[in-house]
C-alpha atoms as a PDB file:
ATOM      1  CA  MET A   1     -10.771  11.515 -54.933  1.00  0.00           C
ATOM      2  CA  LEU A   2     -11.612   9.409 -53.341  1.00  0.00           C
ATOM      3  CA  PHE A   3     -10.949  10.843 -50.006  1.00  0.00           C
ATOM      4  CA  THR A   4     -12.053  14.238 -48.655  1.00  0.00           C
ATOM      5  CA  ARG A   5      -9.989  16.356 -46.352  1.00  0.00           C
ATOM      6  CA  PRO A   6     -12.254  15.430 -42.495  1.00  0.00           C
ATOM      7  CA  HIS A   7     -11.690  10.869 -43.700  1.00  0.00           C
ATOM      8  CA  PHE A   8      -8.334  11.864 -44.924  1.00  0.00           C
ATOM      9  CA  ILE A   9      -7.265  13.491 -40.893  1.00  0.00           C
ATOM     10  CA  PHE A  10     -10.028  10.781 -39.070  1.00  0.00           C
ATOM     11  CA  ILE A  11      -7.972   7.906 -40.957  1.00  0.00           C
ATOM     12  CA  LEU A  12      -4.621   8.910 -40.476  1.00  0.00           C
ATOM     13  CA  SER A  13      -5.712   9.359 -37.012  1.00  0.00           C
ATOM     14  CA  LEU A  14      -6.397   6.342 -36.645  1.00  0.00           C
ATOM     15  CA  SER A  15      -3.933   4.556 -37.690  1.00  0.00           C
ATOM     16  CA  ALA A  16      -1.339   6.909 -36.162  1.00  0.00           C
ATOM     17  CA  THR A  17      -3.666   5.335 -32.460  1.00  0.00           C
ATOM     18  CA  VAL A  18      -3.250   1.477 -33.455  1.00  0.00           C
ATOM     19  CA  LEU A  19       0.460   1.985 -34.619  1.00  0.00           C
ATOM     20  CA  MET A  20       1.040   3.361 -31.608  1.00  0.00           C
ATOM     21  CA  SER A  21      -0.916   0.938 -29.173  1.00  0.00           C
ATOM     22  CA  THR A  22       1.333  -2.130 -30.956  1.00  0.00           C
ATOM     23  CA  VAL A  23       4.870  -0.460 -30.459  1.00  0.00           C
ATOM     24  CA  THR A  24       6.534  -2.030 -28.013  1.00  0.00           C
ATOM     25  CA  SER A  25       8.205  -0.322 -24.993  1.00  0.00           C
ATOM     26  CA  PHE A  26      12.365  -1.554 -24.659  1.00  0.00           C
ATOM     27  CA  ALA A  27      13.142   1.583 -22.025  1.00  0.00           C
ATOM     28  CA  ALA A  28      14.417   0.084 -18.883  1.00  0.00           C
ATOM     29  CA  GLY A  29      13.530   1.274 -15.407  1.00  0.00           C
ATOM     30  CA  ARG A  30      15.619   1.957 -12.543  1.00  0.00           C
ATOM     31  CA  THR A  31      14.238   1.792  -9.150  1.00  0.00           C
ATOM     32  CA  TYR A  32      16.420   3.854  -6.273  1.00  0.00           C
ATOM     33  CA  LYS A  33      15.311   3.179  -2.442  1.00  0.00           C
ATOM     34  CA  SER A  34      16.382   5.230   0.386  1.00  0.00           C
ATOM     35  CA  THR A  35      19.078   3.719   3.236  1.00  0.00           C
ATOM     36  CA  LYS A  36      16.685   2.740   5.339  1.00  0.00           C
ATOM     37  CA  GLU A  37      14.793   0.640   3.931  1.00  0.00           C
ATOM     38  CA  ASP A  38      17.678  -1.820   2.958  1.00  0.00           C
ATOM     39  CA  MET A  39      18.062  -2.128   6.837  1.00  0.00           C
ATOM     40  CA  PRO A  40      16.073  -4.052   9.068  1.00  0.00           C
ATOM     41  CA  GLU A  41      13.513  -2.391  11.490  1.00  0.00           C
ATOM     42  CA  GLU A  42      13.689  -4.254  14.779  1.00  0.00           C
ATOM     43  CA  ARG A  43      10.774  -5.142  16.027  1.00  0.00           C
ATOM     44  CA  GLU A  44       9.507  -7.206  19.648  1.00  0.00           C
ATOM     45  CA  LEU A  45       6.383  -9.104  20.533  1.00  0.00           C
ATOM     46  CA  CYS A  46       3.208  -8.155  22.020  1.00  0.00           C
ATOM     47  CA  ARG A  47       0.528  -9.523  23.758  1.00  0.00           C
ATOM     48  CA  PHE A  48      -2.860  -9.071  24.665  1.00  0.00           C
ATOM     49  CA  GLU A  49      -3.751  -7.315  27.452  1.00  0.00           C
ATOM     50  CA  LYS A  50      -6.897  -6.056  27.527  1.00  0.00           C
ATOM     51  CA  LEU A  51      -9.877  -4.471  25.526  1.00  0.00           C
ATOM     52  CA  MET A  52     -11.221  -0.880  26.155  1.00  0.00           C
ATOM     53  CA  ARG A  53     -15.133  -0.388  24.559  1.00  0.00           C
ATOM     54  CA  SER A  54     -16.127   2.537  23.562  1.00  0.00           C
ATOM     55  CA  PRO A  55     -19.507   3.719  21.118  1.00  0.00           C
ATOM     56  CA  GLU A  56     -17.073   4.531  18.365  1.00  0.00           C
ATOM     57  CA  GLY A  57     -15.225   2.262  18.103  1.00  0.00           C
ATOM     58  CA  ASN A  58     -12.945  -0.679  20.370  1.00  0.00           C
ATOM     59  CA  THR A  59      -9.423  -0.275  21.047  1.00  0.00           C
ATOM     60  CA  CYS A  60      -6.566  -3.542  21.823  1.00  0.00           C
ATOM     61  CA  VAL A  61      -4.223  -3.066  24.183  1.00  0.00           C
ATOM     62  CA  TYR A  62      -1.199  -4.644  24.318  1.00  0.00           C
ATOM     63  CA  ALA A  63       2.312  -5.209  26.620  1.00  0.00           C
ATOM     64  CA  ARG A  64       5.767  -4.867  24.754  1.00  0.00           C
ATOM     65  CA  GLN A  65       8.051  -7.789  25.202  1.00  0.00           C
ATOM     66  CA  SER A  66      10.987  -5.397  26.657  1.00  0.00           C
ATOM     67  CA  GLY A  67       8.160  -3.602  29.007  1.00  0.00           C
ATOM     68  CA  GLY A  68       8.219  -0.228  27.558  1.00  0.00           C
ATOM     69  CA  ASN A  69       4.995   1.647  26.474  1.00  0.00           C
ATOM     70  CA  LYS A  70       2.012   0.390  25.909  1.00  0.00           C
ATOM     71  CA  VAL A  71       0.840  -0.576  22.726  1.00  0.00           C
ATOM     72  CA  PHE A  72      -2.783   0.483  21.597  1.00  0.00           C
ATOM     73  CA  VAL A  73      -4.549  -0.558  18.250  1.00  0.00           C
ATOM     74  CA  GLY A  74      -8.463   0.840  17.518  1.00  0.00           C
ATOM     75  CA  ILE A  75     -10.662  -1.485  16.088  1.00  0.00           C
ATOM     76  CA  ASP A  76     -14.307  -2.078  14.981  1.00  0.00           C
ATOM     77  CA  GLN A  77     -16.887  -2.689  17.329  1.00  0.00           C
ATOM     78  CA  LEU A  78     -17.160  -6.539  14.799  1.00  0.00           C
ATOM     79  CA  THR A  79     -13.212  -7.018  14.325  1.00  0.00           C
ATOM     80  CA  LYS A  80     -11.876  -9.285  17.746  1.00  0.00           C
ATOM     81  CA  CYS A  81      -7.951  -8.063  18.834  1.00  0.00           C
ATOM     82  CA  VAL A  82      -4.437 -10.166  17.799  1.00  0.00           C
ATOM     83  CA  VAL A  83      -3.060 -12.677  20.975  1.00  0.00           C
ATOM     84  CA  GLU A  84       0.591 -11.086  19.734  1.00  0.00           C
ATOM     85  CA  PHE A  85       2.397  -9.352  16.794  1.00  0.00           C
ATOM     86  CA  GLN A  86       6.020  -8.312  16.073  1.00  0.00           C
ATOM     87  CA  CYS A  87       5.483  -4.169  17.064  1.00  0.00           C
ATOM     88  CA  LYS A  88       8.538  -2.587  16.881  1.00  0.00           C
ATOM     89  CA  VAL A  89      11.200  -1.758  19.393  1.00  0.00           C
ATOM     90  CA  GLU A  90      10.713   1.812  20.559  1.00  0.00           C
END
């Protein structure tokens, strides 16, 4: 007998592993999106107003173009506030 039982099992599992890794899958996938993702979010311009400093980190305060509630963005000590950005409409 050329191979013993453990050798045969090892060679068989090794061959199966090699064959499985070389086989290409032809299954088609489909990604579903909710209807909320299809609708663009309304945005407005938010402009930098002031920087509030604290030991934990800084907070950038932005005024909305529409005059609504202020937008607060927390940042670390080394980051600078962005002058303006598009924020979500309330």
